């Protein structure tokens, strides 16, 4: 299964490193990533593969929620199929 992870918040050192390390720890592969700074806000979108993951998407969501509170950013996780359906024109 693939999922889309978005991260939005004030730009600061270590956001990519923190999220990437967490994903690597749970054997979640980053298939694609884009990031930018918009009006001083850090914005990142990742497509990740959970094929080899040692946790479920619900467990990932819980861990990322804890990380988002610690880092003072907003992190969301959505199944790729749901994301694609929501963004279809």
C-alpha atoms as a PDB file:
ATOM      1  CA  UNK A   1       0.000   0.000   0.000  1.00  0.00           C
ATOM      2  CA  UNK A   2       1.122   3.535  -0.754  1.00  0.00           C
ATOM      3  CA  UNK A   3       0.288   6.574   1.326  1.00  0.00           C
ATOM      4  CA  UNK A   4       0.671  10.333   1.007  1.00  0.00           C
ATOM      5  CA  UNK A   5       2.228  12.189   3.935  1.00  0.00           C
ATOM      6  CA  UNK A   6       1.995  15.974   4.096  1.00  0.00           C
ATOM      7  CA  UNK A   7       3.918  18.191   6.499  1.00  0.00           C
ATOM      8  CA  UNK A   8       3.141  21.899   6.919  1.00  0.00           C
ATOM      9  CA  UNK A   9       4.496  24.363   9.457  1.00  0.00           C
ATOM     10  CA  UNK A  10       6.978  27.092  10.210  1.00  0.00           C
ATOM     11  CA  UNK A  11      10.306  26.406   8.541  1.00  0.00           C
ATOM     12  CA  UNK A  12      13.032  25.153  10.892  1.00  0.00           C
ATOM     13  CA  UNK A  13      16.060  22.904  10.805  1.00  0.00           C
ATOM     14  CA  UNK A  14      15.457  19.157  10.986  1.00  0.00           C
ATOM     15  CA  UNK A  15      11.903  18.635   9.737  1.00  0.00           C
ATOM     16  CA  UNK A  16      12.898  16.398   6.815  1.00  0.00           C
ATOM     17  CA  UNK A  17      15.490  14.583   8.937  1.00  0.00           C
ATOM     18  CA  UNK A  18      13.030  13.861  11.765  1.00  0.00           C
ATOM     19  CA  UNK A  19      10.250  12.556   9.507  1.00  0.00           C
ATOM     20  CA  UNK A  20      12.633  10.568   7.282  1.00  0.00           C
ATOM     21  CA  UNK A  21      14.331   8.926  10.279  1.00  0.00           C
ATOM     22  CA  UNK A  22      10.965   7.926  11.720  1.00  0.00           C
ATOM     23  CA  UNK A  23       9.926   6.357   8.405  1.00  0.00           C
ATOM     24  CA  UNK A  24      13.252   4.523   8.024  1.00  0.00           C
ATOM     25  CA  UNK A  25      12.960   3.172  11.565  1.00  0.00           C
ATOM     26  CA  UNK A  26       9.707   1.455  10.552  1.00  0.00           C
ATOM     27  CA  UNK A  27      10.946   0.257   7.130  1.00  0.00           C
ATOM     28  CA  UNK A  28       8.737   2.704   5.232  1.00  0.00           C
ATOM     29  CA  UNK A  29      10.255   3.653   1.883  1.00  0.00           C
ATOM     30  CA  UNK A  30       9.994   7.200   0.521  1.00  0.00           C
ATOM     31  CA  UNK A  31       9.056   6.693  -3.142  1.00  0.00           C
ATOM     32  CA  UNK A  32       8.778  10.387  -4.006  1.00  0.00           C
ATOM     33  CA  UNK A  33       9.194  13.655  -2.145  1.00  0.00           C
ATOM     34  CA  UNK A  34       8.757  17.352  -2.823  1.00  0.00           C
ATOM     35  CA  UNK A  35       9.216  20.273  -0.484  1.00  0.00           C
ATOM     36  CA  UNK A  36       9.154  24.036  -0.699  1.00  0.00           C
ATOM     37  CA  UNK A  37       8.895  27.150   1.400  1.00  0.00           C
ATOM     38  CA  UNK A  38       5.714  29.197   0.864  1.00  0.00           C
ATOM     39  CA  UNK A  39       5.560  32.572   2.635  1.00  0.00           C
ATOM     40  CA  UNK A  40       7.870  31.296   5.365  1.00  0.00           C
ATOM     41  CA  UNK A  41       5.975  28.023   5.783  1.00  0.00           C
ATOM     42  CA  UNK A  42       7.617  24.669   5.155  1.00  0.00           C
ATOM     43  CA  UNK A  43       5.457  22.441   2.922  1.00  0.00           C
ATOM     44  CA  UNK A  44       6.390  18.835   2.132  1.00  0.00           C
ATOM     45  CA  UNK A  45       4.550  16.023   0.390  1.00  0.00           C
ATOM     46  CA  UNK A  46       5.823  12.454   0.311  1.00  0.00           C
ATOM     47  CA  UNK A  47       4.571   9.320  -1.365  1.00  0.00           C
ATOM     48  CA  UNK A  48       5.619   6.372   0.758  1.00  0.00           C
ATOM     49  CA  UNK A  49       5.400   2.608   0.370  1.00  0.00           C
ATOM     50  CA  UNK A  50       4.225   0.612   3.374  1.00  0.00           C
ATOM     51  CA  UNK A  51       4.899  -2.781   1.719  1.00  0.00           C
ATOM     52  CA  UNK A  52       7.789  -3.666   4.051  1.00  0.00           C
ATOM     53  CA  UNK A  53       6.583  -1.576   7.003  1.00  0.00           C
ATOM     54  CA  UNK A  54       6.580  -3.096  10.468  1.00  0.00           C
ATOM     55  CA  UNK A  55       3.570  -0.970  11.525  1.00  0.00           C
ATOM     56  CA  UNK A  56       0.087  -0.357  10.145  1.00  0.00           C
ATOM     57  CA  UNK A  57      -1.050   2.918   8.592  1.00  0.00           C
ATOM     58  CA  UNK A  58      -3.088   3.613  11.763  1.00  0.00           C
ATOM     59  CA  UNK A  59      -0.001   3.114  13.940  1.00  0.00           C
ATOM     60  CA  UNK A  60       1.970   5.372  11.580  1.00  0.00           C
ATOM     61  CA  UNK A  61      -0.722   8.035  11.887  1.00  0.00           C
ATOM     62  CA  UNK A  62      -0.494   7.868  15.707  1.00  0.00           C
ATOM     63  CA  UNK A  63       3.308   8.138  15.681  1.00  0.00           C
ATOM     64  CA  UNK A  64       3.234  11.030  13.208  1.00  0.00           C
ATOM     65  CA  UNK A  65       0.619  12.838  15.326  1.00  0.00           C
ATOM     66  CA  UNK A  66       2.972  12.616  18.316  1.00  0.00           C
ATOM     67  CA  UNK A  67       5.846  13.850  16.133  1.00  0.00           C
ATOM     68  CA  UNK A  68       3.769  16.739  14.794  1.00  0.00           C
ATOM     69  CA  UNK A  69       2.972  17.926  18.330  1.00  0.00           C
ATOM     70  CA  UNK A  70       6.632  17.720  19.333  1.00  0.00           C
ATOM     71  CA  UNK A  71       7.809  19.608  16.225  1.00  0.00           C
ATOM     72  CA  UNK A  72       4.894  22.093  16.124  1.00  0.00           C
ATOM     73  CA  UNK A  73       3.976  21.208  12.529  1.00  0.00           C
ATOM     74  CA  UNK A  74       0.911  19.577  11.010  1.00  0.00           C
ATOM     75  CA  UNK A  75       1.435  16.077   9.603  1.00  0.00           C
ATOM     76  CA  UNK A  76      -1.283  14.154   7.774  1.00  0.00           C
ATOM     77  CA  UNK A  77      -1.307  10.628   6.340  1.00  0.00           C
ATOM     78  CA  UNK A  78      -3.748   9.443   3.714  1.00  0.00           C
ATOM     79  CA  UNK A  79      -3.942   6.279   1.631  1.00  0.00           C
ATOM     80  CA  UNK A  80      -2.885   7.068  -1.933  1.00  0.00           C
ATOM     81  CA  UNK A  81      -6.218   5.808  -3.307  1.00  0.00           C
ATOM     82  CA  UNK A  82      -8.168   8.172  -1.032  1.00  0.00           C
ATOM     83  CA  UNK A  83      -5.874  11.076  -1.910  1.00  0.00           C
ATOM     84  CA  UNK A  84      -6.235  10.395  -5.654  1.00  0.00           C
ATOM     85  CA  UNK A  85     -10.023  10.143  -5.370  1.00  0.00           C
ATOM     86  CA  UNK A  86     -10.261  13.415  -3.450  1.00  0.00           C
ATOM     87  CA  UNK A  87      -8.070  15.271  -5.940  1.00  0.00           C
ATOM     88  CA  UNK A  88      -9.611  13.954  -9.153  1.00  0.00           C
ATOM     89  CA  UNK A  89     -11.059  16.693 -11.340  1.00  0.00           C
END
